[in-house]
């Protein structure tokens, strides 16, 4: 349950995250003059907000970032904040546009996975199936949690569409593979490159 104090902390974290696009630590909140509570209280409130699904902690030692539930609370509480109507509309519109892109990307992943599996099922010729391994590569990439997570983060942080976010993520992964000496992983880079060219 959101209390006035936890609501203030959550709103501060969201505003700070929108501005800086990095996890917000409890110390940053304690240093904010508008929230006059002890660091221990802030940590407890953040832990409760995380437990209730309003915040996400990317790493154990990192600060927190807003979840979808946290963003929704923020948008719904905008009218209670002393913001001009134009700014309220801009924040609300941006949030809903970003979430539409998130939903569109997730639907596209699901549809692509289904289509690839249907194609696999239709290939009956053993010789053709032997060369259809690239479909398995595409499915593996679509199931990659890091690819999906990084693309969603890019959509939310950079406020770009799903296609652009996916391109940026794939290019980043391609660059990471390029720096690796291991031959097996270099082959995986070739798989990724094929997938990138096909998108």
N, C-alpha and C. Protein backbone atom coordinates (compact mmCIF):
# COMPACT_ATOMS: atom_id res chain seq x y z
N UNK A 1 0.85 -1.20 0.00
CA UNK A 1 0.00 0.00 0.00
C UNK A 1 0.88 1.25 0.00
N UNK A 2 0.57 2.17 -0.91
CA UNK A 2 1.34 3.41 -1.01
C UNK A 2 0.88 4.40 0.06
N UNK A 3 1.83 4.85 0.88
CA UNK A 3 1.56 5.89 1.87
C UNK A 3 2.05 7.22 1.31
N UNK A 4 1.68 8.34 1.92
CA UNK A 4 2.20 9.63 1.43
C UNK A 4 3.73 9.65 1.37
N UNK A 5 4.38 9.07 2.39
CA UNK A 5 5.85 9.08 2.40
C UNK A 5 6.43 8.18 1.31
N UNK A 6 5.91 6.96 1.19
CA UNK A 6 6.43 6.06 0.16
C UNK A 6 6.10 6.59 -1.24
N UNK A 7 4.94 7.28 -1.36
CA UNK A 7 4.58 7.88 -2.64
C UNK A 7 5.55 8.97 -3.04
N UNK A 8 5.97 9.78 -2.07
CA UNK A 8 6.96 10.83 -2.34
C UNK A 8 8.29 10.22 -2.78
N UNK A 9 8.68 9.15 -2.09
CA UNK A 9 9.94 8.49 -2.44
C UNK A 9 9.86 7.89 -3.84
N UNK A 10 8.74 7.22 -4.13
CA UNK A 10 8.57 6.60 -5.44
C UNK A 10 8.57 7.66 -6.54
N UNK A 11 7.85 8.75 -6.34
CA UNK A 11 7.80 9.81 -7.35
C UNK A 11 9.18 10.43 -7.58
N UNK A 12 9.95 10.59 -6.50
CA UNK A 12 11.30 11.13 -6.64
C UNK A 12 12.17 10.19 -7.46
N UNK A 13 12.09 8.88 -7.15
CA UNK A 13 12.89 7.89 -7.89
C UNK A 13 12.54 7.92 -9.37
N UNK A 14 11.25 8.01 -9.69
CA UNK A 14 10.82 8.01 -11.09
C UNK A 14 11.31 9.27 -11.80
N UNK A 15 11.16 10.43 -11.16
CA UNK A 15 11.63 11.67 -11.79
C UNK A 15 13.14 11.64 -12.01
N UNK A 16 13.86 11.13 -11.01
CA UNK A 16 15.32 11.05 -11.11
C UNK A 16 15.72 10.05 -12.21
N UNK A 17 15.01 8.93 -12.29
CA UNK A 17 15.33 7.91 -13.29
C UNK A 17 15.01 8.41 -14.71
N UNK A 18 13.91 9.15 -14.87
CA UNK A 18 13.56 9.72 -16.17
C UNK A 18 14.66 10.69 -16.63
N UNK A 19 15.22 11.43 -15.69
CA UNK A 19 16.25 12.41 -16.02
C UNK A 19 17.61 11.77 -16.29
N UNK A 20 18.04 10.83 -15.42
CA UNK A 20 19.40 10.29 -15.48
C UNK A 20 19.51 8.93 -16.15
N UNK A 21 18.41 8.17 -16.19
CA UNK A 21 18.38 6.83 -16.79
C UNK A 21 19.38 5.88 -16.13
N UNK A 22 19.59 6.04 -14.81
CA UNK A 22 20.43 5.12 -14.05
C UNK A 22 19.69 4.77 -12.76
N UNK A 23 19.94 3.57 -12.18
CA UNK A 23 19.29 3.20 -10.92
C UNK A 23 19.52 4.25 -9.83
N UNK A 24 18.49 4.49 -9.03
CA UNK A 24 18.56 5.53 -7.99
C UNK A 24 18.85 4.89 -6.64
N UNK A 25 19.99 5.22 -6.01
CA UNK A 25 20.31 4.66 -4.69
C UNK A 25 19.60 5.42 -3.57
N UNK A 26 19.53 4.78 -2.42
CA UNK A 26 18.85 5.40 -1.28
C UNK A 26 19.55 6.69 -0.83
N UNK A 27 20.89 6.74 -0.98
CA UNK A 27 21.63 7.93 -0.56
C UNK A 27 21.23 9.15 -1.37
N UNK A 28 20.94 8.94 -2.66
CA UNK A 28 20.52 10.06 -3.50
C UNK A 28 19.20 10.64 -3.01
N UNK A 29 18.34 9.78 -2.49
CA UNK A 29 17.05 10.24 -1.95
C UNK A 29 17.28 10.95 -0.61
N UNK A 30 18.17 10.39 0.21
CA UNK A 30 18.46 11.00 1.51
C UNK A 30 19.05 12.41 1.35
N UNK A 31 19.78 12.61 0.26
CA UNK A 31 20.39 13.91 0.00
C UNK A 31 19.39 14.93 -0.55
N UNK A 32 18.19 14.45 -0.91
CA UNK A 32 17.18 15.35 -1.43
C UNK A 32 16.48 16.07 -0.28
N UNK A 33 16.56 17.39 -0.27
CA UNK A 33 16.05 18.18 0.86
C UNK A 33 14.53 18.07 1.01
N UNK A 34 13.82 17.68 -0.06
CA UNK A 34 12.36 17.62 0.02
C UNK A 34 11.85 16.38 0.76
N UNK A 35 12.71 15.40 0.96
CA UNK A 35 12.29 14.17 1.65
C UNK A 35 13.08 14.07 2.96
N UNK A 36 12.48 14.50 4.03
CA UNK A 36 13.19 14.64 5.30
C UNK A 36 12.97 13.41 6.19
N UNK A 37 13.60 12.30 5.80
CA UNK A 37 13.57 11.09 6.63
C UNK A 37 14.97 10.50 6.63
N UNK A 38 15.22 9.60 7.57
CA UNK A 38 16.55 9.02 7.71
C UNK A 38 16.85 8.05 6.57
N UNK A 39 18.13 7.82 6.26
CA UNK A 39 18.51 6.86 5.22
C UNK A 39 17.96 5.46 5.51
N UNK A 40 17.91 5.06 6.79
CA UNK A 40 17.39 3.74 7.14
C UNK A 40 15.90 3.64 6.78
N UNK A 41 15.16 4.72 7.06
CA UNK A 41 13.73 4.74 6.72
C UNK A 41 13.54 4.66 5.22
N UNK A 42 14.38 5.37 4.48
CA UNK A 42 14.29 5.35 3.02
C UNK A 42 14.55 3.95 2.49
N UNK A 43 15.56 3.28 3.03
CA UNK A 43 15.87 1.92 2.59
C UNK A 43 14.70 0.97 2.87
N UNK A 44 14.09 1.13 4.04
CA UNK A 44 12.92 0.30 4.39
C UNK A 44 11.75 0.56 3.44
N UNK A 45 11.51 1.83 3.14
CA UNK A 45 10.42 2.18 2.23
C UNK A 45 10.69 1.63 0.83
N UNK A 46 11.94 1.74 0.38
CA UNK A 46 12.30 1.22 -0.94
C UNK A 46 12.14 -0.29 -0.99
N UNK A 47 12.51 -0.97 0.08
CA UNK A 47 12.37 -2.42 0.13
C UNK A 47 10.89 -2.81 0.05
N UNK A 48 10.04 -2.04 0.72
CA UNK A 48 8.61 -2.33 0.69
C UNK A 48 8.03 -2.05 -0.70
N UNK A 49 8.46 -0.96 -1.33
CA UNK A 49 8.01 -0.64 -2.68
C UNK A 49 8.46 -1.72 -3.67
N UNK A 50 9.66 -2.23 -3.45
CA UNK A 50 10.16 -3.32 -4.30
C UNK A 50 9.33 -4.59 -4.09
N UNK A 51 9.02 -4.88 -2.84
CA UNK A 51 8.22 -6.06 -2.51
C UNK A 51 6.83 -5.98 -3.13
N UNK A 52 6.27 -4.76 -3.18
CA UNK A 52 4.93 -4.57 -3.72
C UNK A 52 4.92 -4.41 -5.24
N UNK A 53 6.11 -4.43 -5.86
CA UNK A 53 6.18 -4.42 -7.32
C UNK A 53 6.27 -3.05 -7.97
N UNK A 54 6.49 -2.00 -7.18
CA UNK A 54 6.60 -0.65 -7.75
C UNK A 54 8.02 -0.34 -8.20
N UNK A 55 9.00 -1.02 -7.62
CA UNK A 55 10.41 -0.80 -7.95
C UNK A 55 11.08 -2.11 -8.33
N UNK A 56 12.15 -2.00 -9.09
CA UNK A 56 12.97 -3.15 -9.47
C UNK A 56 14.41 -2.81 -9.12
N UNK A 57 15.13 -3.79 -8.59
CA UNK A 57 16.55 -3.61 -8.29
C UNK A 57 17.35 -4.46 -9.29
N UNK A 58 17.97 -3.83 -10.31
CA UNK A 58 18.68 -4.59 -11.34
C UNK A 58 19.77 -5.50 -10.78
N UNK A 59 20.49 -4.99 -9.76
CA UNK A 59 21.54 -5.77 -9.11
C UNK A 59 21.42 -5.58 -7.60
N UNK A 60 21.91 -6.54 -6.85
CA UNK A 60 21.79 -6.50 -5.39
C UNK A 60 22.37 -5.22 -4.81
N UNK A 61 23.51 -4.77 -5.34
CA UNK A 61 24.20 -3.61 -4.78
C UNK A 61 23.80 -2.31 -5.46
N UNK A 62 22.90 -2.39 -6.44
CA UNK A 62 22.52 -1.20 -7.20
C UNK A 62 21.33 -0.50 -6.56
N UNK A 63 21.02 0.68 -7.08
CA UNK A 63 19.82 1.37 -6.66
C UNK A 63 18.61 0.75 -7.34
N UNK A 64 17.48 1.44 -7.27
CA UNK A 64 16.24 0.92 -7.84
C UNK A 64 15.82 1.69 -9.08
N UNK A 65 15.03 1.03 -9.91
CA UNK A 65 14.40 1.67 -11.06
C UNK A 65 12.90 1.39 -10.99
N UNK A 66 12.09 2.22 -11.62
CA UNK A 66 10.64 2.00 -11.57
C UNK A 66 10.23 0.78 -12.40
N UNK A 67 9.22 0.08 -11.94
CA UNK A 67 8.62 -0.99 -12.73
C UNK A 67 7.45 -0.40 -13.52
N UNK A 68 6.83 -1.22 -14.36
CA UNK A 68 5.64 -0.75 -15.08
C UNK A 68 4.56 -0.29 -14.09
N UNK A 69 4.43 -1.05 -13.00
CA UNK A 69 3.44 -0.69 -11.98
C UNK A 69 3.78 0.67 -11.35
N UNK A 70 5.07 0.90 -11.13
CA UNK A 70 5.50 2.18 -10.58
C UNK A 70 5.22 3.33 -11.51
N UNK A 71 5.49 3.14 -12.80
CA UNK A 71 5.20 4.18 -13.79
C UNK A 71 3.70 4.49 -13.83
N UNK A 72 2.89 3.43 -13.76
CA UNK A 72 1.44 3.65 -13.81
C UNK A 72 0.96 4.47 -12.61
N UNK A 73 1.52 4.16 -11.44
CA UNK A 73 1.17 4.94 -10.25
C UNK A 73 1.55 6.40 -10.46
N UNK A 74 2.72 6.62 -11.03
CA UNK A 74 3.21 7.98 -11.24
C UNK A 74 2.29 8.75 -12.18
N UNK A 75 1.92 8.11 -13.28
CA UNK A 75 1.03 8.77 -14.25
C UNK A 75 -0.32 9.09 -13.61
N UNK A 76 -0.85 8.14 -12.84
CA UNK A 76 -2.16 8.34 -12.21
C UNK A 76 -2.11 9.42 -11.12
N UNK A 77 -0.94 9.65 -10.55
CA UNK A 77 -0.84 10.63 -9.47
C UNK A 77 -0.43 12.02 -9.96
N UNK A 78 -0.21 12.15 -11.27
CA UNK A 78 0.26 13.43 -11.82
C UNK A 78 -0.69 14.57 -11.49
N UNK A 79 -1.99 14.29 -11.55
CA UNK A 79 -2.97 15.35 -11.31
C UNK A 79 -2.87 15.91 -9.90
N UNK A 80 -2.30 15.11 -8.99
CA UNK A 80 -2.17 15.56 -7.60
C UNK A 80 -0.91 16.41 -7.41
N UNK A 81 -0.03 16.41 -8.43
CA UNK A 81 1.21 17.19 -8.34
C UNK A 81 0.96 18.59 -8.88
N UNK A 82 1.77 19.54 -8.44
CA UNK A 82 1.62 20.93 -8.89
C UNK A 82 2.38 21.13 -10.20
N UNK A 83 1.91 20.45 -11.27
CA UNK A 83 2.52 20.59 -12.59
C UNK A 83 1.52 21.29 -13.52
N UNK A 84 2.03 22.09 -14.46
CA UNK A 84 1.13 22.68 -15.45
C UNK A 84 0.41 21.58 -16.23
N UNK A 85 -0.81 21.86 -16.70
CA UNK A 85 -1.59 20.86 -17.43
C UNK A 85 -0.85 20.35 -18.66
N UNK A 86 -0.13 21.25 -19.35
CA UNK A 86 0.60 20.84 -20.55
C UNK A 86 1.68 19.81 -20.21
N UNK A 87 2.36 20.02 -19.09
CA UNK A 87 3.43 19.09 -18.67
C UNK A 87 2.82 17.76 -18.23
N UNK A 88 1.67 17.82 -17.55
CA UNK A 88 0.98 16.58 -17.16
C UNK A 88 0.63 15.76 -18.41
N UNK A 89 0.11 16.44 -19.42
CA UNK A 89 -0.28 15.75 -20.65
C UNK A 89 0.95 15.15 -21.33
N UNK A 90 2.05 15.90 -21.38
CA UNK A 90 3.26 15.42 -22.04
C UNK A 90 3.79 14.16 -21.37
N UNK A 91 3.84 14.16 -20.04
CA UNK A 91 4.34 12.99 -19.31
C UNK A 91 3.43 11.79 -19.53
N UNK A 92 2.12 12.03 -19.42
CA UNK A 92 1.16 10.94 -19.62
C UNK A 92 1.24 10.38 -21.03
N UNK A 93 1.30 11.29 -22.02
CA UNK A 93 1.36 10.86 -23.42
C UNK A 93 2.63 10.06 -23.69
N UNK A 94 3.77 10.56 -23.18
CA UNK A 94 5.06 9.87 -23.39
C UNK A 94 5.03 8.48 -22.78
N UNK A 95 4.49 8.38 -21.56
CA UNK A 95 4.43 7.08 -20.89
C UNK A 95 3.61 6.09 -21.71
N UNK A 96 2.43 6.52 -22.15
CA UNK A 96 1.55 5.60 -22.88
C UNK A 96 2.14 5.22 -24.24
N UNK A 97 2.84 6.15 -24.90
CA UNK A 97 3.47 5.83 -26.17
C UNK A 97 4.59 4.81 -25.97
N UNK A 98 5.37 4.99 -24.91
CA UNK A 98 6.47 4.06 -24.62
C UNK A 98 5.91 2.67 -24.33
N UNK A 99 4.85 2.61 -23.52
CA UNK A 99 4.28 1.31 -23.17
C UNK A 99 3.66 0.63 -24.39
N UNK A 100 3.13 1.43 -25.33
CA UNK A 100 2.62 0.84 -26.58
C UNK A 100 3.74 0.18 -27.36
N UNK A 101 4.92 0.83 -27.39
CA UNK A 101 6.07 0.25 -28.10
C UNK A 101 6.56 -1.02 -27.40
N UNK A 102 6.53 -1.00 -26.06
CA UNK A 102 6.92 -2.19 -25.30
C UNK A 102 5.99 -3.35 -25.64
N UNK A 103 4.68 -3.09 -25.62
CA UNK A 103 3.71 -4.14 -25.94
C UNK A 103 3.87 -4.62 -27.38
N UNK A 104 4.11 -3.68 -28.30
CA UNK A 104 4.27 -4.04 -29.71
C UNK A 104 5.50 -4.92 -29.92
N UNK A 105 6.60 -4.60 -29.22
CA UNK A 105 7.81 -5.40 -29.33
C UNK A 105 7.59 -6.82 -28.79
N UNK A 106 6.95 -6.92 -27.63
CA UNK A 106 6.71 -8.24 -27.03
C UNK A 106 5.78 -9.08 -27.91
N UNK A 107 4.77 -8.43 -28.51
CA UNK A 107 3.88 -9.16 -29.42
C UNK A 107 4.63 -9.62 -30.67
N UNK A 108 5.53 -8.76 -31.17
CA UNK A 108 6.30 -9.12 -32.36
C UNK A 108 7.21 -10.31 -32.09
N UNK A 109 7.82 -10.35 -30.90
CA UNK A 109 8.67 -11.48 -30.52
C UNK A 109 7.84 -12.76 -30.50
N UNK A 110 6.66 -12.70 -29.88
CA UNK A 110 5.79 -13.87 -29.78
C UNK A 110 5.33 -14.33 -31.17
N UNK A 111 4.93 -13.39 -32.01
CA UNK A 111 4.46 -13.74 -33.35
C UNK A 111 5.59 -14.32 -34.20
N UNK A 112 6.78 -13.73 -34.09
CA UNK A 112 7.92 -14.24 -34.86
C UNK A 112 8.28 -15.66 -34.42
N UNK A 113 8.24 -15.90 -33.12
CA UNK A 113 8.54 -17.23 -32.61
C UNK A 113 7.53 -18.25 -33.15
N UNK A 114 6.26 -17.87 -33.12
CA UNK A 114 5.21 -18.77 -33.61
C UNK A 114 5.36 -19.05 -35.10
N UNK A 115 5.65 -18.02 -35.88
CA UNK A 115 5.81 -18.18 -37.32
C UNK A 115 7.00 -19.08 -37.66
N UNK A 116 8.11 -18.91 -36.95
CA UNK A 116 9.28 -19.74 -37.20
C UNK A 116 9.00 -21.21 -36.88
N UNK A 117 8.28 -21.46 -35.79
CA UNK A 117 7.94 -22.83 -35.43
C UNK A 117 7.00 -23.46 -36.46
N UNK A 118 6.08 -22.66 -36.99
CA UNK A 118 5.17 -23.16 -38.02
C UNK A 118 5.93 -23.51 -39.30
N UNK A 119 6.92 -22.68 -39.64
CA UNK A 119 7.75 -22.97 -40.82
C UNK A 119 8.52 -24.27 -40.62
N UNK A 120 9.10 -24.43 -39.41
CA UNK A 120 9.84 -25.66 -39.11
C UNK A 120 8.96 -26.89 -39.28
N UNK A 121 7.73 -26.81 -38.81
CA UNK A 121 6.82 -27.96 -38.87
C UNK A 121 6.44 -28.32 -40.31
N UNK A 122 6.49 -27.34 -41.20
CA UNK A 122 6.10 -27.57 -42.59
C UNK A 122 7.24 -28.13 -43.44
N UNK A 123 8.46 -28.08 -42.92
CA UNK A 123 9.61 -28.59 -43.69
C UNK A 123 9.72 -30.09 -43.45
N UNK A 124 9.37 -30.88 -44.46
CA UNK A 124 9.37 -32.34 -44.33
C UNK A 124 10.57 -32.98 -45.01
N UNK A 125 11.09 -32.36 -46.05
CA UNK A 125 12.23 -32.91 -46.78
C UNK A 125 13.46 -32.91 -45.89
N UNK A 126 14.08 -34.10 -45.63
CA UNK A 126 15.26 -34.17 -44.75
C UNK A 126 16.42 -33.30 -45.23
N UNK A 127 16.61 -33.20 -46.53
CA UNK A 127 17.71 -32.38 -47.05
C UNK A 127 17.47 -30.90 -46.77
N UNK A 128 16.22 -30.49 -46.89
CA UNK A 128 15.89 -29.09 -46.60
C UNK A 128 16.03 -28.83 -45.10
N UNK A 129 15.57 -29.78 -44.29
CA UNK A 129 15.65 -29.61 -42.83
C UNK A 129 17.10 -29.48 -42.38
N UNK A 130 17.99 -30.16 -43.08
CA UNK A 130 19.41 -30.10 -42.73
C UNK A 130 19.95 -28.67 -42.84
N UNK A 131 19.39 -27.91 -43.78
CA UNK A 131 19.85 -26.54 -43.99
C UNK A 131 18.97 -25.51 -43.28
N UNK A 132 18.01 -26.00 -42.54
CA UNK A 132 17.08 -25.08 -41.86
C UNK A 132 17.54 -24.75 -40.44
N UNK A 133 18.81 -24.99 -40.15
CA UNK A 133 19.32 -24.72 -38.80
C UNK A 133 19.22 -23.24 -38.45
N UNK A 134 19.22 -22.40 -39.49
CA UNK A 134 19.17 -20.97 -39.23
C UNK A 134 17.88 -20.59 -38.52
N UNK A 135 16.82 -21.39 -38.71
CA UNK A 135 15.57 -21.14 -37.99
C UNK A 135 15.78 -21.36 -36.49
N UNK A 136 16.58 -22.38 -36.15
CA UNK A 136 16.90 -22.61 -34.73
C UNK A 136 17.69 -21.45 -34.16
N UNK A 137 18.60 -20.89 -34.96
CA UNK A 137 19.38 -19.74 -34.52
C UNK A 137 18.47 -18.55 -34.22
N UNK A 138 17.53 -18.30 -35.13
CA UNK A 138 16.59 -17.21 -34.93
C UNK A 138 15.76 -17.42 -33.66
N UNK A 139 15.32 -18.65 -33.43
CA UNK A 139 14.52 -18.94 -32.24
C UNK A 139 15.34 -18.74 -30.96
N UNK A 140 16.60 -19.16 -30.99
CA UNK A 140 17.47 -18.98 -29.83
C UNK A 140 17.66 -17.50 -29.52
N UNK A 141 17.84 -16.70 -30.55
CA UNK A 141 18.03 -15.27 -30.34
C UNK A 141 16.75 -14.62 -29.81
N UNK A 142 15.62 -15.03 -30.35
CA UNK A 142 14.34 -14.48 -29.88
C UNK A 142 14.08 -14.84 -28.42
N UNK A 143 14.63 -15.99 -27.97
CA UNK A 143 14.43 -16.45 -26.59
C UNK A 143 15.48 -15.90 -25.63
N UNK A 144 16.44 -15.13 -26.17
CA UNK A 144 17.53 -14.62 -25.33
C UNK A 144 17.02 -13.52 -24.40
N UNK A 145 17.09 -13.77 -23.10
CA UNK A 145 16.55 -12.83 -22.11
C UNK A 145 17.28 -11.49 -22.14
N UNK A 146 18.61 -11.52 -22.35
CA UNK A 146 19.38 -10.29 -22.37
C UNK A 146 18.98 -9.42 -23.56
N UNK A 147 18.76 -10.05 -24.72
CA UNK A 147 18.33 -9.31 -25.90
C UNK A 147 17.00 -8.61 -25.64
N UNK A 148 16.04 -9.36 -25.11
CA UNK A 148 14.72 -8.81 -24.86
C UNK A 148 14.79 -7.71 -23.79
N UNK A 149 15.50 -8.00 -22.69
CA UNK A 149 15.58 -7.03 -21.59
C UNK A 149 16.27 -5.73 -22.03
N UNK A 150 17.38 -5.86 -22.76
CA UNK A 150 18.10 -4.66 -23.21
C UNK A 150 17.28 -3.84 -24.20
N UNK A 151 16.54 -4.53 -25.06
CA UNK A 151 15.70 -3.81 -26.02
C UNK A 151 14.59 -3.06 -25.30
N UNK A 152 13.96 -3.69 -24.31
CA UNK A 152 12.91 -3.02 -23.53
C UNK A 152 13.48 -1.83 -22.77
N UNK A 153 14.68 -2.00 -22.20
CA UNK A 153 15.32 -0.89 -21.49
C UNK A 153 15.59 0.28 -22.43
N UNK A 154 16.02 -0.03 -23.66
CA UNK A 154 16.32 1.02 -24.63
C UNK A 154 15.05 1.76 -25.04
N UNK A 155 13.96 1.03 -25.22
CA UNK A 155 12.68 1.67 -25.55
C UNK A 155 12.29 2.65 -24.45
N UNK A 156 12.42 2.22 -23.21
CA UNK A 156 11.96 3.04 -22.08
C UNK A 156 12.91 4.21 -21.81
N UNK A 157 14.22 3.97 -21.90
CA UNK A 157 15.18 5.02 -21.56
C UNK A 157 15.32 6.06 -22.67
N UNK A 158 15.42 5.58 -23.91
CA UNK A 158 15.66 6.49 -25.03
C UNK A 158 14.37 6.97 -25.70
N UNK A 159 13.23 6.37 -25.29
CA UNK A 159 11.93 6.75 -25.86
C UNK A 159 11.93 6.60 -27.38
N UNK A 160 12.45 5.47 -27.87
CA UNK A 160 12.49 5.21 -29.30
C UNK A 160 11.54 4.06 -29.62
N UNK A 161 11.27 3.86 -30.93
CA UNK A 161 10.36 2.78 -31.30
C UNK A 161 11.06 1.43 -31.20
N UNK A 162 10.28 0.36 -31.31
CA UNK A 162 10.80 -0.99 -31.09
C UNK A 162 11.88 -1.36 -32.09
N UNK A 163 11.69 -0.98 -33.36
CA UNK A 163 12.67 -1.34 -34.39
C UNK A 163 14.03 -0.71 -34.11
N UNK A 164 14.01 0.56 -33.77
CA UNK A 164 15.27 1.26 -33.49
C UNK A 164 15.94 0.67 -32.25
N UNK A 165 15.15 0.41 -31.22
CA UNK A 165 15.70 -0.15 -29.98
C UNK A 165 16.34 -1.51 -30.24
N UNK A 166 15.69 -2.34 -31.07
CA UNK A 166 16.24 -3.66 -31.38
C UNK A 166 17.54 -3.53 -32.16
N UNK A 167 17.57 -2.62 -33.13
CA UNK A 167 18.80 -2.40 -33.90
C UNK A 167 19.96 -1.99 -33.00
N UNK A 168 19.68 -1.05 -32.07
CA UNK A 168 20.73 -0.59 -31.16
C UNK A 168 21.24 -1.72 -30.28
N UNK A 169 20.32 -2.56 -29.80
CA UNK A 169 20.70 -3.68 -28.94
C UNK A 169 21.53 -4.70 -29.70
N UNK A 170 21.10 -5.04 -30.92
CA UNK A 170 21.84 -6.02 -31.72
C UNK A 170 23.22 -5.50 -32.10
N UNK A 171 23.31 -4.23 -32.41
CA UNK A 171 24.61 -3.64 -32.74
C UNK A 171 25.54 -3.66 -31.53
N UNK A 172 24.98 -3.42 -30.35
CA UNK A 172 25.78 -3.46 -29.13
C UNK A 172 26.30 -4.88 -28.86
N UNK A 173 25.43 -5.88 -29.04
CA UNK A 173 25.84 -7.27 -28.84
C UNK A 173 26.86 -7.69 -29.88
N UNK A 174 26.67 -7.24 -31.12
CA UNK A 174 27.61 -7.56 -32.19
C UNK A 174 28.99 -7.01 -31.85
N UNK A 175 29.04 -5.79 -31.34
CA UNK A 175 30.33 -5.18 -30.97
C UNK A 175 30.98 -5.96 -29.83
N UNK A 176 30.17 -6.44 -28.88
CA UNK A 176 30.71 -7.22 -27.76
C UNK A 176 31.30 -8.54 -28.25
N UNK A 177 30.61 -9.22 -29.16
CA UNK A 177 31.13 -10.47 -29.72
C UNK A 177 32.40 -10.23 -30.52
N UNK A 178 32.46 -9.09 -31.21
CA UNK A 178 33.62 -8.78 -32.05
C UNK A 178 34.91 -8.69 -31.23
N UNK A 179 34.77 -8.28 -29.97
CA UNK A 179 35.95 -8.11 -29.12
C UNK A 179 36.41 -9.41 -28.47
N UNK A 180 35.68 -10.50 -28.68
CA UNK A 180 36.00 -11.78 -28.04
C UNK A 180 36.89 -12.62 -28.95
N UNK A 181 37.90 -13.27 -28.38
CA UNK A 181 38.85 -14.06 -29.17
C UNK A 181 38.37 -15.49 -29.39
N UNK A 182 37.53 -16.00 -28.51
CA UNK A 182 37.10 -17.40 -28.58
C UNK A 182 36.41 -17.70 -29.93
N UNK A 183 36.86 -18.75 -30.62
CA UNK A 183 36.34 -19.07 -31.95
C UNK A 183 34.86 -19.45 -31.92
N UNK A 184 34.45 -20.20 -30.89
CA UNK A 184 33.05 -20.61 -30.79
C UNK A 184 32.15 -19.38 -30.66
N UNK A 185 32.55 -18.44 -29.80
CA UNK A 185 31.74 -17.25 -29.61
C UNK A 185 31.76 -16.36 -30.85
N UNK A 186 32.87 -16.40 -31.59
CA UNK A 186 32.90 -15.64 -32.83
C UNK A 186 31.89 -16.20 -33.83
N UNK A 187 31.69 -17.52 -33.79
CA UNK A 187 30.67 -18.12 -34.64
C UNK A 187 29.28 -17.65 -34.23
N UNK A 188 29.09 -17.50 -32.93
CA UNK A 188 27.80 -16.98 -32.47
C UNK A 188 27.60 -15.54 -32.95
N UNK A 189 28.71 -14.80 -33.08
CA UNK A 189 28.61 -13.45 -33.64
C UNK A 189 28.12 -13.50 -35.07
N UNK A 190 28.58 -14.49 -35.84
CA UNK A 190 28.11 -14.63 -37.21
C UNK A 190 26.60 -14.92 -37.25
N UNK A 191 26.15 -15.76 -36.29
CA UNK A 191 24.72 -16.04 -36.19
C UNK A 191 23.95 -14.74 -35.90
N UNK A 192 24.47 -13.95 -34.96
CA UNK A 192 23.82 -12.70 -34.59
C UNK A 192 23.81 -11.74 -35.76
N UNK A 193 24.92 -11.69 -36.51
CA UNK A 193 25.01 -10.81 -37.66
C UNK A 193 23.97 -11.19 -38.72
N UNK A 194 23.79 -12.49 -38.92
CA UNK A 194 22.78 -12.95 -39.88
C UNK A 194 21.40 -12.51 -39.43
N UNK A 195 21.15 -12.63 -38.13
CA UNK A 195 19.84 -12.24 -37.59
C UNK A 195 19.64 -10.74 -37.75
N UNK A 196 20.68 -9.95 -37.49
CA UNK A 196 20.60 -8.49 -37.62
C UNK A 196 20.30 -8.10 -39.06
N UNK A 197 20.97 -8.75 -40.02
CA UNK A 197 20.75 -8.43 -41.43
C UNK A 197 19.34 -8.82 -41.89
N UNK A 198 18.77 -9.82 -41.22
CA UNK A 198 17.44 -10.30 -41.61
C UNK A 198 16.33 -9.45 -41.03
N UNK A 199 16.64 -8.64 -40.02
CA UNK A 199 15.59 -7.85 -39.35
C UNK A 199 15.16 -6.67 -40.22
